[in-house]
PDB file of N, CA and C in Angstrom:
ATOM      1  N   UNK A   1     -13.356 126.803   3.573  1.00  0.00           N
ATOM      2  CA  UNK A   1     -13.370 126.758   2.080  1.00  0.00           C
ATOM      3  C   UNK A   1     -14.320 125.627   1.794  1.00  0.00           C
ATOM      4  N   UNK A   2     -14.860 124.424   2.480  1.00  0.00           N
ATOM      5  CA  UNK A   2     -15.782 123.578   2.380  1.00  0.00           C
ATOM      6  C   UNK A   2     -17.121 124.097   2.056  1.00  0.00           C
ATOM      7  N   UNK A   3     -17.237 125.225   2.824  1.00  0.00           N
ATOM      8  CA  UNK A   3     -18.747 125.804   2.535  1.00  0.00           C
ATOM      9  C   UNK A   3     -18.526 126.560   1.230  1.00  0.00           C
ATOM     10  N   UNK A   4     -17.769 127.374   0.972  1.00  0.00           N
ATOM     11  CA  UNK A   4     -17.625 127.974  -0.319  1.00  0.00           C
ATOM     12  C   UNK A   4     -17.693 127.022  -1.466  1.00  0.00           C
ATOM     13  N   UNK A   5     -17.248 125.920  -1.311  1.00  0.00           N
ATOM     14  CA  UNK A   5     -17.131 124.926  -2.441  1.00  0.00           C
ATOM     15  C   UNK A   5     -18.489 124.187  -2.455  1.00  0.00           C
ATOM     16  N   UNK A   6     -19.212 124.019  -1.243  1.00  0.00           N
ATOM     17  CA  UNK A   6     -20.527 123.400  -1.140  1.00  0.00           C
ATOM     18  C   UNK A   6     -21.427 124.426  -1.952  1.00  0.00           C
ATOM     19  N   UNK A   7     -20.850 125.930  -1.839  1.00  0.00           N
ATOM     20  CA  UNK A   7     -22.054 126.798  -2.359  1.00  0.00           C
ATOM     21  C   UNK A   7     -21.583 127.412  -3.472  1.00  0.00           C
ATOM     22  N   UNK A   8     -20.768 126.805  -4.033  1.00  0.00           N
ATOM     23  CA  UNK A   8     -19.993 127.343  -5.298  1.00  0.00           C
ATOM     24  C   UNK A   8     -21.173 128.092  -6.493  1.00  0.00           C
ATOM     25  N   UNK A   9     -22.043 127.557  -6.401  1.00  0.00           N
ATOM     26  CA  UNK A   9     -23.209 128.070  -7.305  1.00  0.00           C
ATOM     27  C   UNK A   9     -23.949 129.644  -7.138  1.00  0.00           C
ATOM     28  N   UNK A  10     -23.682 129.918  -5.627  1.00  0.00           N
ATOM     29  CA  UNK A  10     -24.073 131.035  -5.219  1.00  0.00           C
ATOM     30  C   UNK A  10     -22.688 131.996  -4.605  1.00  0.00           C
ATOM     31  N   UNK A  11     -21.449 131.649  -5.121  1.00  0.00           N
ATOM     32  CA  UNK A  11     -20.421 132.642  -4.497  1.00  0.00           C
ATOM     33  C   UNK A  11     -20.704 133.776  -5.859  1.00  0.00           C
ATOM     34  N   UNK A  12     -20.481 135.077  -5.268  1.00  0.00           N
ATOM     35  CA  UNK A  12     -20.619 136.297  -6.054  1.00  0.00           C
ATOM     36  C   UNK A  12     -19.326 136.316  -6.882  1.00  0.00           C
ATOM     37  N   UNK A  13     -19.413 137.015  -7.992  1.00  0.00           N
ATOM     38  CA  UNK A  13     -18.120 137.505  -8.976  1.00  0.00           C
ATOM     39  C   UNK A  13     -17.358 138.384  -8.268  1.00  0.00           C
ATOM     40  N   UNK A  14     -16.140 138.552  -8.764  1.00  0.00           N
ATOM     41  CA  UNK A  14     -15.286 139.153  -8.278  1.00  0.00           C
ATOM     42  C   UNK A  14     -15.716 140.771  -8.376  1.00  0.00           C
ATOM     43  N   UNK A  15     -15.721 141.660  -7.625  1.00  0.00           N
ATOM     44  CA  UNK A  15     -14.593 141.885  -6.307  1.00  0.00           C
ATOM     45  C   UNK A  15     -15.402 141.431  -5.100  1.00  0.00           C
ATOM     46  N   UNK A  16     -16.633 140.891  -5.204  1.00  0.00           N
ATOM     47  CA  UNK A  16     -17.458 140.764  -3.976  1.00  0.00           C
ATOM     48  C   UNK A  16     -17.128 139.362  -3.455  1.00  0.00           C
ATOM     49  N   UNK A  17     -16.072 138.301  -4.148  1.00  0.00           N
ATOM     50  CA  UNK A  17     -15.991 137.165  -3.950  1.00  0.00           C
ATOM     51  C   UNK A  17     -15.150 137.291  -2.694  1.00  0.00           C
ATOM     52  N   UNK A  18     -14.272 137.902  -2.172  1.00  0.00           N
ATOM     53  CA  UNK A  18     -13.221 138.226  -0.957  1.00  0.00           C
ATOM     54  C   UNK A  18     -14.418 138.322   0.187  1.00  0.00           C
ATOM     55  N   UNK A  19     -14.891 139.233   0.092  1.00  0.00           N
ATOM     56  CA  UNK A  19     -15.954 139.632   1.156  1.00  0.00           C
ATOM     57  C   UNK A  19     -16.929 138.564   1.350  1.00  0.00           C
ATOM     58  N   UNK A  20     -17.498 137.820   0.212  1.00  0.00           N
ATOM     59  CA  UNK A  20     -18.207 136.928   0.785  1.00  0.00           C
ATOM     60  C   UNK A  20     -17.634 135.745   1.644  1.00  0.00           C
ATOM     61  N   UNK A  21     -16.430 135.374   0.888  1.00  0.00           N
ATOM     62  CA  UNK A  21     -15.488 134.545   1.683  1.00  0.00           C
ATOM     63  C   UNK A  21     -15.182 134.897   3.148  1.00  0.00           C
ATOM     64  N   UNK A  22     -15.081 135.907   3.251  1.00  0.00           N
ATOM     65  CA  UNK A  22     -14.811 136.573   4.865  1.00  0.00           C
ATOM     66  C   UNK A  22     -15.881 136.317   5.647  1.00  0.00           C
ATOM     67  N   UNK A  23     -17.093 136.774   5.001  1.00  0.00           N
ATOM     68  CA  UNK A  23     -18.517 136.542   5.598  1.00  0.00           C
ATOM     69  C   UNK A  23     -18.543 135.000   6.269  1.00  0.00           C
ATOM     70  N   UNK A  24     -18.366 134.094   5.228  1.00  0.00           N
ATOM     71  CA  UNK A  24     -18.613 132.753   5.405  1.00  0.00           C
ATOM     72  C   UNK A  24     -17.856 132.329   6.328  1.00  0.00           C
ATOM     73  N   UNK A  25     -16.373 132.498   6.402  1.00  0.00           N
ATOM     74  CA  UNK A  25     -15.317 132.307   7.408  1.00  0.00           C
ATOM     75  C   UNK A  25     -15.700 132.753   8.726  1.00  0.00           C
ATOM     76  N   UNK A  26     -16.068 134.068   8.952  1.00  0.00           N
ATOM     77  CA  UNK A  26     -16.825 134.342  10.142  1.00  0.00           C
ATOM     78  C   UNK A  26     -17.839 133.851  10.611  1.00  0.00           C
ATOM     79  N   UNK A  27     -18.857 133.458  10.007  1.00  0.00           N
ATOM     80  CA  UNK A  27     -19.974 132.810  10.423  1.00  0.00           C
ATOM     81  C   UNK A  27     -19.620 131.405  11.069  1.00  0.00           C
ATOM     82  N   UNK A  28     -18.480 130.691  10.266  1.00  0.00           N
ATOM     83  CA  UNK A  28     -18.234 129.569  10.415  1.00  0.00           C
ATOM     84  C   UNK A  28     -17.514 129.484  11.947  1.00  0.00           C
ATOM     85  N   UNK A  29     -16.619 130.526  11.921  1.00  0.00           N
ATOM     86  CA  UNK A  29     -16.218 130.603  13.400  1.00  0.00           C
ATOM     87  C   UNK A  29     -16.793 131.147  14.564  1.00  0.00           C
ATOM     88  N   UNK A  30     -17.909 131.717  14.200  1.00  0.00           N
ATOM     89  CA  UNK A  30     -18.700 132.044  15.314  1.00  0.00           C
ATOM     90  C   UNK A  30     -19.648 130.645  15.785  1.00  0.00           C
ATOM     91  N   UNK A  31     -20.072 129.939  14.533  1.00  0.00           N
ATOM     92  CA  UNK A  31     -20.668 128.639  15.027  1.00  0.00           C
ATOM     93  C   UNK A  31     -19.897 127.929  15.772  1.00  0.00           C
ATOM     94  N   UNK A  32     -18.363 127.770  15.677  1.00  0.00           N
ATOM     95  CA  UNK A  32     -17.571 126.854  16.486  1.00  0.00           C
ATOM     96  C   UNK A  32     -17.426 127.202  17.932  1.00  0.00           C
ATOM     97  N   UNK A  33     -17.172 128.876  17.764  1.00  0.00           N
ATOM     98  CA  UNK A  33     -17.398 129.434  19.024  1.00  0.00           C
ATOM     99  C   UNK A  33     -18.461 128.991  20.148  1.00  0.00           C
ATOM    100  N   UNK A  34     -19.755 129.155  19.557  1.00  0.00           N
ATOM    101  CA  UNK A  34     -20.947 128.941  19.869  1.00  0.00           C
ATOM    102  C   UNK A  34     -21.016 127.659  20.484  1.00  0.00           C
ATOM    103  N   UNK A  35     -20.693 126.480  19.568  1.00  0.00           N
ATOM    104  CA  UNK A  35     -20.746 124.834  19.885  1.00  0.00           C
ATOM    105  C   UNK A  35     -19.766 124.884  20.965  1.00  0.00           C
ATOM    106  N   UNK A  36     -18.391 125.565  21.323  1.00  0.00           N
ATOM    107  CA  UNK A  36     -17.596 125.286  22.251  1.00  0.00           C
ATOM    108  C   UNK A  36     -17.975 125.912  23.601  1.00  0.00           C
ATOM    109  N   UNK A  37     -18.835 127.063  23.441  1.00  0.00           N
ATOM    110  CA  UNK A  37     -19.406 127.620  24.673  1.00  0.00           C
ATOM    111  C   UNK A  37     -20.785 126.450  25.290  1.00  0.00           C
ATOM    112  N   UNK A  38     -21.254 126.080  24.459  1.00  0.00           N
ATOM    113  CA  UNK A  38     -22.271 125.240  24.820  1.00  0.00           C
ATOM    114  C   UNK A  38     -21.740 123.982  25.596  1.00  0.00           C
ATOM    115  N   UNK A  39     -20.621 123.595  24.812  1.00  0.00           N
ATOM    116  CA  UNK A  39     -20.298 122.158  25.405  1.00  0.00           C
ATOM    117  C   UNK A  39     -19.447 122.681  26.710  1.00  0.00           C
ATOM    118  N   UNK A  40     -18.800 123.644  27.044  1.00  0.00           N
ATOM    119  CA  UNK A  40     -18.269 124.072  28.235  1.00  0.00           C
ATOM    120  C   UNK A  40     -19.427 124.206  29.283  1.00  0.00           C
ATOM    121  N   UNK A  41     -20.487 124.690  29.171  1.00  0.00           N
ATOM    122  CA  UNK A  41     -21.617 125.128  30.017  1.00  0.00           C
ATOM    123  C   UNK A  41     -22.383 123.694  30.306  1.00  0.00           C
ATOM    124  N   UNK A  42     -22.310 122.740  29.245  1.00  0.00           N
ATOM    125  CA  UNK A  42     -22.891 121.382  29.638  1.00  0.00           C
ATOM    126  C   UNK A  42     -21.771 120.514  30.463  1.00  0.00           C
ATOM    127  N   UNK A  43     -20.451 120.677  30.106  1.00  0.00           N
ATOM    128  CA  UNK A  43     -19.479 120.209  31.047  1.00  0.00           C
ATOM    129  C   UNK A  43     -19.667 120.390  32.338  1.00  0.00           C
ATOM    130  N   UNK A  44     -19.935 121.966  32.656  1.00  0.00           N
ATOM    131  CA  UNK A  44     -19.825 122.312  34.103  1.00  0.00           C
ATOM    132  C   UNK A  44     -21.222 121.803  34.808  1.00  0.00           C
ATOM    133  N   UNK A  45     -21.994 121.948  34.254  1.00  0.00           N
ATOM    134  CA  UNK A  45     -23.397 121.452  34.688  1.00  0.00           C
ATOM    135  C   UNK A  45     -23.283 120.068  34.967  1.00  0.00           C
ATOM    136  N   UNK A  46     -22.908 119.207  34.174  1.00  0.00           N
ATOM    137  CA  UNK A  46     -22.590 117.736  34.544  1.00  0.00           C
ATOM    138  C   UNK A  46     -21.873 117.461  35.559  1.00  0.00           C
ATOM    139  N   UNK A  47     -20.467 118.235  35.740  1.00  0.00           N
ATOM    140  CA  UNK A  47     -19.523 118.215  36.700  1.00  0.00           C
ATOM    141  C   UNK A  47     -20.376 118.591  38.149  1.00  0.00           C
ATOM    142  N   UNK A  48     -20.899 119.638  38.084  1.00  0.00           N
ATOM    143  CA  UNK A  48     -21.813 120.255  39.247  1.00  0.00           C
ATOM    144  C   UNK A  48     -22.787 118.951  39.878  1.00  0.00           C
ATOM    145  N   UNK A  49     -23.446 118.594  38.667  1.00  0.00           N
ATOM    146  CA  UNK A  49     -24.536 117.510  39.151  1.00  0.00           C
ATOM    147  C   UNK A  49     -23.562 116.023  39.738  1.00  0.00           C
ATOM    148  N   UNK A  50     -22.578 115.855  39.072  1.00  0.00           N
ATOM    149  CA  UNK A  50     -21.804 114.548  39.606  1.00  0.00           C
ATOM    150  C   UNK A  50     -20.983 114.959  41.027  1.00  0.00           C
ATOM    151  N   UNK A  51     -20.753 116.154  41.228  1.00  0.00           N
ATOM    152  CA  UNK A  51     -20.274 116.512  42.594  1.00  0.00           C
ATOM    153  C   UNK A  51     -21.323 116.214  43.640  1.00  0.00           C
ATOM    154  N   UNK A  52     -22.810 116.814  43.333  1.00  0.00           N
ATOM    155  CA  UNK A  52     -23.374 116.507  44.299  1.00  0.00           C
ATOM    156  C   UNK A  52     -23.794 115.133  44.547  1.00  0.00           C
ATOM    157  N   UNK A  53     -23.917 114.199  43.370  1.00  0.00           N
ATOM    158  CA  UNK A  53     -24.281 112.910  43.715  1.00  0.00           C
ATOM    159  C   UNK A  53     -23.257 111.966  44.638  1.00  0.00           C
ATOM    160  N   UNK A  54     -21.864 112.690  44.081  1.00  0.00           N
ATOM    161  CA  UNK A  54     -20.808 112.004  44.694  1.00  0.00           C
ATOM    162  C   UNK A  54     -20.526 112.415  46.289  1.00  0.00           C
ATOM    163  N   UNK A  55     -21.131 113.524  46.550  1.00  0.00           N
ATOM    164  CA  UNK A  55     -21.100 113.879  47.962  1.00  0.00           C
ATOM    165  C   UNK A  55     -21.946 113.060  48.938  1.00  0.00           C
ATOM    166  N   UNK A  56     -23.203 112.519  48.308  1.00  0.00           N
ATOM    167  CA  UNK A  56     -24.058 111.907  48.997  1.00  0.00           C
ATOM    168  C   UNK A  56     -23.634 110.296  48.920  1.00  0.00           C
ATOM    169  N   UNK A  57     -22.531 110.030  48.355  1.00  0.00           N
ATOM    170  CA  UNK A  57     -22.228 108.254  48.441  1.00  0.00           C
ATOM    171  C   UNK A  57     -21.356 107.959  49.728  1.00  0.00           C
ATOM    172  N   UNK A  58     -21.511 107.122  50.417  1.00  0.00           N
ATOM    173  CA  UNK A  58     -20.820 106.836  51.362  1.00  0.00           C
ATOM    174  C   UNK A  58     -19.422 106.348  51.016  1.00  0.00           C
ATOM    175  N   UNK A  59     -18.513 106.511  51.930  1.00  0.00           N
ATOM    176  CA  UNK A  59     -16.994 106.066  51.462  1.00  0.00           C
ATOM    177  C   UNK A  59     -17.147 104.369  51.200  1.00  0.00           C
ATOM    178  N   UNK A  60     -16.532 104.050  50.144  1.00  0.00           N
ATOM    179  CA  UNK A  60     -16.323 102.607  50.076  1.00  0.00           C
ATOM    180  C   UNK A  60     -15.465 102.010  51.050  1.00  0.00           C
ATOM    181  N   UNK A  61     -16.087 100.615  51.454  1.00  0.00           N
ATOM    182  CA  UNK A  61     -15.313  99.856  52.269  1.00  0.00           C
ATOM    183  C   UNK A  61     -13.765  99.169  51.655  1.00  0.00           C
ATOM    184  N   UNK A  62     -12.906  99.081  52.258  1.00  0.00           N
ATOM    185  CA  UNK A  62     -11.774  98.385  51.531  1.00  0.00           C
ATOM    186  C   UNK A  62     -11.940  96.998  50.802  1.00  0.00           C
ATOM    187  N   UNK A  63     -12.765  96.135  51.612  1.00  0.00           N
ATOM    188  CA  UNK A  63     -13.311  95.039  50.774  1.00  0.00           C
ATOM    189  C   UNK A  63     -14.087  95.277  49.695  1.00  0.00           C
ATOM    190  N   UNK A  64     -15.063  96.114  49.481  1.00  0.00           N
ATOM    191  CA  UNK A  64     -15.677  96.713  48.212  1.00  0.00           C
ATOM    192  C   UNK A  64     -14.669  97.027  47.293  1.00  0.00           C
ATOM    193  N   UNK A  65     -13.936  98.015  47.794  1.00  0.00           N
ATOM    194  CA  UNK A  65     -12.760  98.513  46.805  1.00  0.00           C
ATOM    195  C   UNK A  65     -11.885  97.377  46.198  1.00  0.00           C
ATOM    196  N   UNK A  66     -11.471  96.449  46.633  1.00  0.00           N
ATOM    197  CA  UNK A  66     -10.735  95.210  46.195  1.00  0.00           C
ATOM    198  C   UNK A  66     -11.486  94.661  45.298  1.00  0.00           C
ATOM    199  N   UNK A  67     -12.983  94.457  45.699  1.00  0.00           N
ATOM    200  CA  UNK A  67     -13.886  93.853  44.575  1.00  0.00           C
ATOM    201  C   UNK A  67     -13.711  94.459  43.647  1.00  0.00           C
ATOM    202  N   UNK A  68     -13.739  95.618  43.261  1.00  0.00           N
ATOM    203  CA  UNK A  68     -14.099  96.843  42.389  1.00  0.00           C
ATOM    204  C   UNK A  68     -12.853  96.395  41.339  1.00  0.00           C
ATOM    205  N   UNK A  69     -11.692  96.475  42.132  1.00  0.00           N
ATOM    206  CA  UNK A  69     -10.408  96.559  41.480  1.00  0.00           C
ATOM    207  C   UNK A  69     -10.206  95.014  40.612  1.00  0.00           C
ATOM    208  N   UNK A  70     -10.639  93.901  41.405  1.00  0.00           N
ATOM    209  CA  UNK A  70     -10.741  92.777  40.468  1.00  0.00           C
ATOM    210  C   UNK A  70     -11.407  92.549  39.452  1.00  0.00           C
ATOM    211  N   UNK A  71     -12.595  93.321  39.411  1.00  0.00           N
ATOM    212  CA  UNK A  71     -13.779  93.395  38.286  1.00  0.00           C
ATOM    213  C   UNK A  71     -12.941  93.989  37.267  1.00  0.00           C
ATOM    214  N   UNK A  72     -12.273  95.153  37.481  1.00  0.00           N
ATOM    215  CA  UNK A  72     -11.859  95.767  36.654  1.00  0.00           C
ATOM    216  C   UNK A  72     -10.674  95.278  35.995  1.00  0.00           C
ATOM    217  N   UNK A  73      -9.763  94.555  36.526  1.00  0.00           N
ATOM    218  CA  UNK A  73      -9.104  93.503  35.987  1.00  0.00           C
ATOM    219  C   UNK A  73      -9.321  92.481  35.294  1.00  0.00           C
ATOM    220  N   UNK A  74     -10.587  92.243  35.228  1.00  0.00           N
ATOM    221  CA  UNK A  74     -11.138  90.962  34.304  1.00  0.00           C
ATOM    222  C   UNK A  74     -11.654  91.484  33.220  1.00  0.00           C
ATOM    223  N   UNK A  75     -11.842  93.119  33.025  1.00  0.00           N
ATOM    224  CA  UNK A  75     -12.402  93.449  31.725  1.00  0.00           C
ATOM    225  C   UNK A  75     -11.337  93.577  30.651  1.00  0.00           C
ATOM    226  N   UNK A  76     -11.648  93.788  29.505  1.00  0.00           N
ATOM    227  CA  UNK A  76     -10.614  94.024  28.427  1.00  0.00           C
ATOM    228  C   UNK A  76     -10.041  95.361  28.521  1.00  0.00           C
ATOM    229  N   UNK A  77      -9.164  95.556  27.756  1.00  0.00           N
ATOM    230  CA  UNK A  77      -8.505  97.048  27.715  1.00  0.00           C
ATOM    231  C   UNK A  77      -9.522  98.232  27.418  1.00  0.00           C
ATOM    232  N   UNK A  78     -10.195  97.828  26.249  1.00  0.00           N
ATOM    233  CA  UNK A  78     -11.364  98.412  25.795  1.00  0.00           C
ATOM    234  C   UNK A  78     -12.575  98.955  26.716  1.00  0.00           C
ATOM    235  N   UNK A  79     -12.926  98.132  27.654  1.00  0.00           N
ATOM    236  CA  UNK A  79     -13.976  98.063  28.382  1.00  0.00           C
ATOM    237  C   UNK A  79     -13.437  98.955  29.572  1.00  0.00           C
ATOM    238  N   UNK A  80     -12.353  98.639  30.137  1.00  0.00           N
ATOM    239  CA  UNK A  80     -11.871  99.508  31.241  1.00  0.00           C
ATOM    240  C   UNK A  80     -11.656 100.981  30.703  1.00  0.00           C
ATOM    241  N   UNK A  81     -11.375 101.093  29.533  1.00  0.00           N
ATOM    242  CA  UNK A  81     -11.186 102.426  28.856  1.00  0.00           C
ATOM    243  C   UNK A  81     -12.719 103.404  28.955  1.00  0.00           C
ATOM    244  N   UNK A  82     -13.648 102.487  28.434  1.00  0.00           N
ATOM    245  CA  UNK A  82     -14.864 103.011  28.438  1.00  0.00           C
ATOM    246  C   UNK A  82     -15.285 103.531  29.841  1.00  0.00           C
ATOM    247  N   UNK A  83     -14.944 102.657  30.713  1.00  0.00           N
ATOM    248  CA  UNK A  83     -15.425 102.863  32.375  1.00  0.00           C
ATOM    249  C   UNK A  83     -14.447 104.079  32.949  1.00  0.00           C
ATOM    250  N   UNK A  84     -13.357 104.068  32.590  1.00  0.00           N
ATOM    251  CA  UNK A  84     -12.264 105.120  33.233  1.00  0.00           C
ATOM    252  C   UNK A  84     -12.515 106.623  32.409  1.00  0.00           C
ATOM    253  N   UNK A  85     -12.918 106.603  31.377  1.00  0.00           N
ATOM    254  CA  UNK A  85     -12.909 107.698  30.845  1.00  0.00           C
ATOM    255  C   UNK A  85     -14.353 108.832  31.429  1.00  0.00           C
TER     256      UNK A  85
END
């Protein structure tokens, strides 16, 4: 409906109005689907790259893990959320 409102000056007169609105709705839905597919492909690509990087990392030593835990505790709640998301 937002697209129809923005393009009010080109909305055809009855009886073509409803067909035009269906066409606009179809295009809006198709754009949303394409966006979601692109997002999923990018997410999978990034996940694969991250998996490759993490495979090559050595296992952390307990002292390092404790140091990281202390550093995380020193952060604000917002900073922790940014790092853990």
